[in-house]
C-alpha atoms as a PDB file:
ATOM      1  CA  MET A   1     -44.951 -46.724  18.012  1.00  0.00           C
ATOM      2  CA  PRO A   2     -41.473 -48.436  16.976  1.00  0.00           C
ATOM      3  CA  GLN A   3     -41.812 -50.804  14.231  1.00  0.00           C
ATOM      4  CA  LEU A   4     -39.802 -53.781  13.330  1.00  0.00           C
ATOM      5  CA  SER A   5     -39.500 -55.861  10.208  1.00  0.00           C
ATOM      6  CA  HIS A   6     -40.411 -59.118   9.506  1.00  0.00           C
ATOM      7  CA  SER A   7     -40.212 -59.931   5.977  1.00  0.00           C
ATOM      8  CA  LEU A   8     -40.773 -63.346   5.266  1.00  0.00           C
ATOM      9  CA  PRO A   9     -38.725 -65.598   2.682  1.00  0.00           C
ATOM     10  CA  SER A  10     -40.045 -67.827   0.257  1.00  0.00           C
ATOM     11  CA  VAL A  11     -41.799 -71.195   2.222  1.00  0.00           C
ATOM     12  CA  SER A  12     -38.725 -73.433   1.388  1.00  0.00           C
ATOM     13  CA  ARG A  13     -36.117 -70.839   2.721  1.00  0.00           C
ATOM     14  CA  ARG A  14     -38.292 -70.063   5.714  1.00  0.00           C
ATOM     15  CA  ARG A  15     -38.563 -73.583   6.909  1.00  0.00           C
ATOM     16  CA  LEU A  16     -34.454 -73.762   6.468  1.00  0.00           C
ATOM     17  CA  LEU A  17     -33.960 -70.673   8.546  1.00  0.00           C
ATOM     18  CA  ALA A  18     -36.299 -72.065  11.110  1.00  0.00           C
ATOM     19  CA  LEU A  19     -34.420 -75.591  11.320  1.00  0.00           C
ATOM     20  CA  ALA A  20     -31.384 -73.527  11.612  1.00  0.00           C
ATOM     21  CA  GLY A  21     -32.599 -72.096  15.001  1.00  0.00           C
ATOM     22  CA  ALA A  22     -34.531 -69.075  13.984  1.00  0.00           C
ATOM     23  CA  ALA A  23     -36.563 -69.449  17.284  1.00  0.00           C
ATOM     24  CA  ALA A  24     -34.714 -67.989  18.953  1.00  0.00           C
ATOM     25  CA  LEU A  25     -33.280 -65.965  17.822  1.00  0.00           C
ATOM     26  CA  VAL A  26     -29.910 -64.357  18.171  1.00  0.00           C
ATOM     27  CA  ALA A  27     -27.357 -63.325  20.244  1.00  0.00           C
ATOM     28  CA  VAL A  28     -23.640 -62.805  20.982  1.00  0.00           C
ATOM     29  CA  LEU A  29     -22.402 -63.772  24.328  1.00  0.00           C
ATOM     30  CA  PRO A  30     -22.443 -60.774  26.614  1.00  0.00           C
ATOM     31  CA  ARG A  31     -18.777 -59.578  27.798  1.00  0.00           C
ATOM     32  CA  GLY A  32     -17.523 -60.542  31.144  1.00  0.00           C
ATOM     33  CA  PRO A  33     -16.527 -63.671  33.185  1.00  0.00           C
ATOM     34  CA  VAL A  34     -16.796 -67.252  31.705  1.00  0.00           C
ATOM     35  CA  TRP A  35     -19.596 -69.150  33.257  1.00  0.00           C
ATOM     36  CA  ALA A  36     -18.929 -70.860  36.350  1.00  0.00           C
ATOM     37  CA  GLN A  37     -18.901 -74.270  34.860  1.00  0.00           C
ATOM     38  CA  ALA A  38     -19.706 -75.624  31.346  1.00  0.00           C
ATOM     39  CA  PRO A  39     -22.539 -77.767  31.116  1.00  0.00           C
ATOM     40  CA  ALA A  40     -21.534 -81.675  30.709  1.00  0.00           C
ATOM     41  CA  ASP A  41     -21.619 -82.763  27.099  1.00  0.00           C
ATOM     42  CA  SER A  42     -24.480 -85.117  27.962  1.00  0.00           C
ATOM     43  CA  ALA A  43     -26.727 -82.786  29.247  1.00  0.00           C
ATOM     44  CA  ALA A  44     -26.137 -80.109  26.466  1.00  0.00           C
ATOM     45  CA  VAL A  45     -26.530 -83.003  24.486  1.00  0.00           C
ATOM     46  CA  ALA A  46     -29.809 -84.168  25.924  1.00  0.00           C
ATOM     47  CA  LEU A  47     -31.145 -80.615  25.912  1.00  0.00           C
ATOM     48  CA  ILE A  48     -31.063 -80.234  22.311  1.00  0.00           C
ATOM     49  CA  GLU A  49     -32.661 -83.518  21.401  1.00  0.00           C
ATOM     50  CA  THR A  50     -35.669 -82.640  23.448  1.00  0.00           C
ATOM     51  CA  TYR A  51     -35.981 -79.480  21.850  1.00  0.00           C
ATOM     52  CA  GLN A  52     -35.653 -80.954  18.281  1.00  0.00           C
ATOM     53  CA  ALA A  53     -37.741 -83.894  18.862  1.00  0.00           C
ATOM     54  CA  ALA A  54     -40.371 -80.984  19.956  1.00  0.00           C
ATOM     55  CA  LEU A  55     -39.763 -79.310  16.511  1.00  0.00           C
ATOM     56  CA  LEU A  56     -40.134 -82.266  14.531  1.00  0.00           C
ATOM     57  CA  ASP A  57     -43.655 -83.594  16.418  1.00  0.00           C
ATOM     58  CA  VAL A  58     -44.999 -79.895  15.720  1.00  0.00           C
ATOM     59  CA  MET A  59     -43.475 -80.041  11.857  1.00  0.00           C
ATOM     60  CA  GLN A  60     -45.449 -83.121  11.165  1.00  0.00           C
ATOM     61  CA  ARG A  61     -48.767 -81.737  12.720  1.00  0.00           C
ATOM     62  CA  ALA A  62     -48.234 -78.197  11.588  1.00  0.00           C
ATOM     63  CA  GLU A  63     -51.211 -77.816   9.141  1.00  0.00           C
ATOM     64  CA  ALA A  64     -53.485 -79.591  11.621  1.00  0.00           C
ATOM     65  CA  LEU A  65     -52.336 -77.298  14.404  1.00  0.00           C
ATOM     66  CA  GLY A  66     -52.479 -73.893  12.799  1.00  0.00           C
ATOM     67  CA  ILE A  67     -50.159 -71.092  13.696  1.00  0.00           C
ATOM     68  CA  GLN A  68     -52.035 -70.826  17.090  1.00  0.00           C
ATOM     69  CA  GLY A  69     -51.937 -74.523  17.931  1.00  0.00           C
ATOM     70  CA  ARG A  70     -48.133 -74.738  16.986  1.00  0.00           C
ATOM     71  CA  ALA A  71     -47.290 -71.694  19.402  1.00  0.00           C
ATOM     72  CA  GLU A  72     -49.173 -73.467  22.325  1.00  0.00           C
ATOM     73  CA  ALA A  73     -47.286 -76.613  21.427  1.00  0.00           C
ATOM     74  CA  LEU A  74     -43.938 -74.872  21.156  1.00  0.00           C
ATOM     75  CA  ASP A  75     -44.214 -72.721  24.158  1.00  0.00           C
ATOM     76  CA  ASP A  76     -42.965 -74.817  26.989  1.00  0.00           C
ATOM     77  CA  PRO A  77     -39.956 -76.650  24.838  1.00  0.00           C
ATOM     78  CA  VAL A  78     -38.671 -73.204  23.297  1.00  0.00           C
ATOM     79  CA  ARG A  79     -38.856 -71.737  26.819  1.00  0.00           C
ATOM     80  CA  ALA A  80     -37.201 -74.726  28.667  1.00  0.00           C
ATOM     81  CA  THR A  81     -34.189 -74.717  26.120  1.00  0.00           C
ATOM     82  CA  PHE A  82     -33.497 -70.910  25.547  1.00  0.00           C
ATOM     83  CA  ASP A  83     -32.145 -68.564  28.324  1.00  0.00           C
ATOM     84  CA  PHE A  84     -34.203 -65.596  26.751  1.00  0.00           C
ATOM     85  CA  SER A  85     -32.820 -63.156  29.949  1.00  0.00           C
ATOM     86  CA  ARG A  86     -29.088 -63.546  28.668  1.00  0.00           C
ATOM     87  CA  MET A  87     -30.131 -63.260  25.291  1.00  0.00           C
ATOM     88  CA  ALA A  88     -32.008 -60.412  25.603  1.00  0.00           C
ATOM     89  CA  ARG A  89     -29.151 -58.743  27.599  1.00  0.00           C
ATOM     90  CA  ALA A  90     -26.948 -59.493  24.591  1.00  0.00           C
ATOM     91  CA  ALA A  91     -29.287 -58.631  21.983  1.00  0.00           C
ATOM     92  CA  ALA A  92     -30.548 -55.309  23.662  1.00  0.00           C
ATOM     93  CA  GLY A  93     -26.906 -54.137  24.271  1.00  0.00           C
ATOM     94  CA  ARG A  94     -26.876 -50.225  25.716  1.00  0.00           C
ATOM     95  CA  ALA A  95     -30.631 -50.112  26.133  1.00  0.00           C
ATOM     96  CA  TRP A  96     -30.257 -53.333  28.516  1.00  0.00           C
ATOM     97  CA  ARG A  97     -27.183 -51.530  30.503  1.00  0.00           C
ATOM     98  CA  ASP A  98     -29.481 -48.223  31.099  1.00  0.00           C
ATOM     99  CA  ALA A  99     -32.673 -50.065  31.870  1.00  0.00           C
ATOM    100  CA  ALA A 100     -34.677 -50.531  35.241  1.00  0.00           C
ATOM    101  CA  GLU A 101     -34.997 -54.434  36.598  1.00  0.00           C
ATOM    102  CA  ALA A 102     -38.587 -54.100  35.531  1.00  0.00           C
ATOM    103  CA  GLU A 103     -37.739 -53.186  32.195  1.00  0.00           C
ATOM    104  CA  ARG A 104     -35.390 -55.950  31.881  1.00  0.00           C
ATOM    105  CA  ALA A 105     -37.897 -58.417  32.916  1.00  0.00           C
ATOM    106  CA  ALA A 106     -40.592 -57.177  30.437  1.00  0.00           C
ATOM    107  CA  MET A 107     -37.518 -57.527  27.557  1.00  0.00           C
ATOM    108  CA  ALA A 108     -36.811 -61.220  28.734  1.00  0.00           C
ATOM    109  CA  ARG A 109     -40.679 -61.936  28.340  1.00  0.00           C
ATOM    110  CA  ALA A 110     -41.165 -59.992  25.188  1.00  0.00           C
ATOM    111  CA  PHE A 111     -37.907 -61.823  23.402  1.00  0.00           C
ATOM    112  CA  GLY A 112     -39.455 -65.006  24.821  1.00  0.00           C
ATOM    113  CA  ASP A 113     -42.846 -64.661  23.239  1.00  0.00           C
ATOM    114  CA  TYR A 114     -41.141 -63.295  20.130  1.00  0.00           C
ATOM    115  CA  SER A 115     -39.290 -66.580  19.804  1.00  0.00           C
ATOM    116  CA  VAL A 116     -42.166 -68.908  20.406  1.00  0.00           C
ATOM    117  CA  ALA A 117     -44.298 -66.563  17.488  1.00  0.00           C
ATOM    118  CA  VAL A 118     -41.206 -67.202  15.033  1.00  0.00           C
ATOM    119  CA  HIS A 119     -41.119 -70.663  15.547  1.00  0.00           C
ATOM    120  CA  ALA A 120     -44.914 -71.047  15.182  1.00  0.00           C
ATOM    121  CA  ASP A 121     -44.766 -68.786  12.152  1.00  0.00           C
ATOM    122  CA  ARG A 122     -41.841 -71.043  10.392  1.00  0.00           C
ATOM    123  CA  PHE A 123     -42.205 -74.400  11.182  1.00  0.00           C
ATOM    124  CA  ASP A 124     -45.287 -74.739   9.289  1.00  0.00           C
ATOM    125  CA  GLY A 125     -44.855 -78.239   7.579  1.00  0.00           C
ATOM    126  CA  PHE A 126     -42.592 -81.273   7.234  1.00  0.00           C
ATOM    127  CA  SER A 127     -40.674 -82.510   4.025  1.00  0.00           C
ATOM    128  CA  GLY A 128     -38.866 -85.260   5.678  1.00  0.00           C
ATOM    129  CA  GLU A 129     -36.305 -83.165   7.385  1.00  0.00           C
ATOM    130  CA  ARG A 130     -34.233 -84.982   9.923  1.00  0.00           C
ATOM    131  CA  PHE A 131     -32.264 -83.334  13.017  1.00  0.00           C
ATOM    132  CA  VAL A 132     -28.601 -84.744  13.227  1.00  0.00           C
ATOM    133  CA  ILE A 133     -26.534 -84.263  16.371  1.00  0.00           C
ATOM    134  CA  ASP A 134     -22.622 -84.362  15.235  1.00  0.00           C
ATOM    135  CA  GLY A 135     -21.058 -83.954  18.567  1.00  0.00           C
ATOM    136  CA  THR A 136     -19.898 -81.372  21.051  1.00  0.00           C
ATOM    137  CA  ALA A 137     -16.834 -79.180  21.426  1.00  0.00           C
ATOM    138  CA  PRO A 138     -15.732 -76.179  24.110  1.00  0.00           C
ATOM    139  CA  GLY A 139     -17.398 -72.993  23.347  1.00  0.00           C
ATOM    140  CA  PRO A 140     -16.538 -69.496  24.346  1.00  0.00           C
ATOM    141  CA  ALA A 141     -16.669 -68.154  27.817  1.00  0.00           C
ATOM    142  CA  GLY A 142     -16.922 -71.591  29.230  1.00  0.00           C
ATOM    143  CA  THR A 143     -19.668 -72.853  27.087  1.00  0.00           C
ATOM    144  CA  THR A 144     -20.284 -76.044  25.354  1.00  0.00           C
ATOM    145  CA  LEU A 145     -21.002 -76.274  21.714  1.00  0.00           C
ATOM    146  CA  VAL A 146     -23.605 -78.803  20.634  1.00  0.00           C
ATOM    147  CA  ARG A 147     -22.844 -79.305  16.935  1.00  0.00           C
ATOM    148  CA  THR A 148     -25.912 -80.503  14.528  1.00  0.00           C
ATOM    149  CA  HIS A 149     -26.997 -80.174  11.266  1.00  0.00           C
ATOM    150  CA  ILE A 150     -30.349 -80.670   9.189  1.00  0.00           C
ATOM    151  CA  ASP A 151     -30.543 -83.266   7.051  1.00  0.00           C
ATOM    152  CA  ARG A 152     -33.270 -82.594   4.207  1.00  0.00           C
ATOM    153  CA  PRO A 153     -33.934 -84.598   1.017  1.00  0.00           C
ATOM    154  CA  ASP A 154     -32.349 -83.502  -2.148  1.00  0.00           C
ATOM    155  CA  VAL A 155     -30.690 -80.332  -0.541  1.00  0.00           C
ATOM    156  CA  GLU A 156     -27.209 -79.601   1.061  1.00  0.00           C
ATOM    157  CA  ASN A 157     -27.019 -79.931   4.868  1.00  0.00           C
ATOM    158  CA  VAL A 158     -26.667 -76.982   6.862  1.00  0.00           C
ATOM    159  CA  PRO A 159     -24.489 -77.009  10.041  1.00  0.00           C
ATOM    160  CA  ILE A 160     -25.756 -75.439  13.155  1.00  0.00           C
ATOM    161  CA  ASP A 161     -24.088 -74.740  16.548  1.00  0.00           C
ATOM    162  CA  TYR A 162     -25.998 -74.396  19.622  1.00  0.00           C
ATOM    163  CA  VAL A 163     -24.030 -72.209  22.363  1.00  0.00           C
ATOM    164  CA  VAL A 164     -25.202 -73.838  25.934  1.00  0.00           C
ATOM    165  CA  ALA A 165     -24.295 -72.555  29.172  1.00  0.00           C
ATOM    166  CA  GLU A 166     -25.033 -73.554  32.743  1.00  0.00           C
ATOM    167  CA  GLY A 167     -27.280 -71.547  34.321  1.00  0.00           C
ATOM    168  CA  ASP A 168     -29.133 -71.544  37.791  1.00  0.00           C
ATOM    169  CA  ASP A 169     -31.846 -73.832  36.434  1.00  0.00           C
ATOM    170  CA  GLY A 170     -29.228 -76.334  34.515  1.00  0.00           C
ATOM    171  CA  PRO A 171     -28.023 -75.875  30.950  1.00  0.00           C
ATOM    172  CA  ALA A 172     -29.699 -73.620  28.371  1.00  0.00           C
ATOM    173  CA  VAL A 173     -28.971 -72.260  24.865  1.00  0.00           C
ATOM    174  CA  VAL A 174     -27.723 -68.613  24.862  1.00  0.00           C
ATOM    175  CA  ASP A 175     -27.052 -68.255  21.102  1.00  0.00           C
ATOM    176  CA  VAL A 176     -27.382 -70.178  17.981  1.00  0.00           C
ATOM    177  CA  LEU A 177     -24.344 -70.045  15.317  1.00  0.00           C
ATOM    178  CA  LEU A 178     -25.838 -70.777  11.640  1.00  0.00           C
ATOM    179  CA  LYS A 179     -23.365 -72.274   9.485  1.00  0.00           C
ATOM    180  CA  GLY A 180     -20.715 -72.295  12.434  1.00  0.00           C
ATOM    181  CA  SER A 181     -20.335 -68.522  12.645  1.00  0.00           C
ATOM    182  CA  ILE A 182     -23.604 -66.616  12.091  1.00  0.00           C
ATOM    183  CA  SER A 183     -24.719 -65.562  15.306  1.00  0.00           C
ATOM    184  CA  GLU A 184     -28.493 -65.238  15.767  1.00  0.00           C
ATOM    185  CA  VAL A 185     -28.277 -62.899  18.900  1.00  0.00           C
ATOM    186  CA  ALA A 186     -25.606 -60.741  16.862  1.00  0.00           C
ATOM    187  CA  LEU A 187     -28.137 -60.362  14.090  1.00  0.00           C
ATOM    188  CA  ARG A 188     -30.998 -59.262  16.498  1.00  0.00           C
ATOM    189  CA  ARG A 189     -28.676 -57.037  18.092  1.00  0.00           C
ATOM    190  CA  SER A 190     -27.894 -55.027  14.906  1.00  0.00           C
ATOM    191  CA  GLU A 191     -31.310 -55.284  13.772  1.00  0.00           C
ATOM    192  CA  TRP A 192     -32.822 -53.587  16.894  1.00  0.00           C
ATOM    193  CA  ALA A 193     -30.342 -51.340  17.554  1.00  0.00           C
ATOM    194  CA  SER A 194     -31.672 -48.026  16.686  1.00  0.00           C
ATOM    195  CA  ILE A 195     -34.773 -48.708  18.251  1.00  0.00           C
ATOM    196  CA  GLY A 196     -33.154 -49.255  21.782  1.00  0.00           C
ATOM    197  CA  ALA A 197     -31.213 -46.086  21.292  1.00  0.00           C
ATOM    198  CA  ARG A 198     -34.200 -44.002  20.081  1.00  0.00           C
ATOM    199  CA  ASP A 199     -36.988 -45.260  22.325  1.00  0.00           C
ATOM    200  CA  GLY A 200     -34.795 -47.464  25.147  1.00  0.00           C
ATOM    201  CA  LEU A 201     -35.727 -50.892  26.308  1.00  0.00           C
ATOM    202  CA  SER A 202     -39.412 -50.193  26.825  1.00  0.00           C
ATOM    203  CA  GLY A 203     -39.755 -48.901  23.170  1.00  0.00           C
ATOM    204  CA  LEU A 204     -38.091 -52.060  22.102  1.00  0.00           C
ATOM    205  CA  VAL A 205     -40.710 -54.244  24.275  1.00  0.00           C
ATOM    206  CA  THR A 206     -43.555 -52.393  22.534  1.00  0.00           C
ATOM    207  CA  ALA A 207     -42.339 -53.174  19.259  1.00  0.00           C
ATOM    208  CA  LEU A 208     -41.445 -56.748  19.641  1.00  0.00           C
ATOM    209  CA  ASP A 209     -44.798 -57.194  21.469  1.00  0.00           C
ATOM    210  CA  SER A 210     -46.604 -55.553  18.230  1.00  0.00           C
ATOM    211  CA  LEU A 211     -44.735 -58.029  16.042  1.00  0.00           C
ATOM    212  CA  THR A 212     -45.335 -61.029  17.941  1.00  0.00           C
ATOM    213  CA  ALA A 213     -48.956 -60.168  17.612  1.00  0.00           C
ATOM    214  CA  ARG A 214     -49.019 -59.720  14.019  1.00  0.00           C
ATOM    215  CA  MET A 215     -47.191 -63.015  13.529  1.00  0.00           C
ATOM    216  CA  LEU A 216     -49.934 -64.838  15.437  1.00  0.00           C
ATOM    217  CA  LYS A 217     -52.952 -63.091  13.990  1.00  0.00           C
ATOM    218  CA  THR A 218     -54.981 -65.405  11.929  1.00  0.00           C
ATOM    219  CA  PRO A 219     -56.933 -64.508   9.042  1.00  0.00           C
END
């Protein structure tokens, strides 16, 4: 069975990475025409505000919820925020292009499950963090960037940009840029390329499902 690594940094770094958009998870915008219309700034900001409010609530209740409870609490907010079909397409690369529609649907599902598990695993406590939205800017390929930062006591702020595109169901995040330039989807594409090349999209789905199950397994 193909394997994906899941090394965990120290607790403080884990939470910092999570606050920087680790759920989600990672992607370069797929090449092609621009989106038909960039989402309105107000809609893009509202999307991120709702998402961050859900994260903060779970962080404050993290210990009582446990990892399974955190996954259940974050499932709807995470899936309502991110477009996992677009992100999966970008992260899977050639494996996506060569796959059948059923395999693509399975990959989008697996990507979403994995993202929820990453959130549940890493948003494991609260130390006075605040999410601050700094504004918006035009993004690549007709998207909108929602610029934010994490405010933590006695720790340097970390800027995070959410790349928001207009979809069939309204605005959704299609990538997260840590420190304004590090693409989460690009990182995943690099990490998963060898599995996709060797085992195709179905092999990548199997690996993601296995990793998700390990993350959510309780002692």
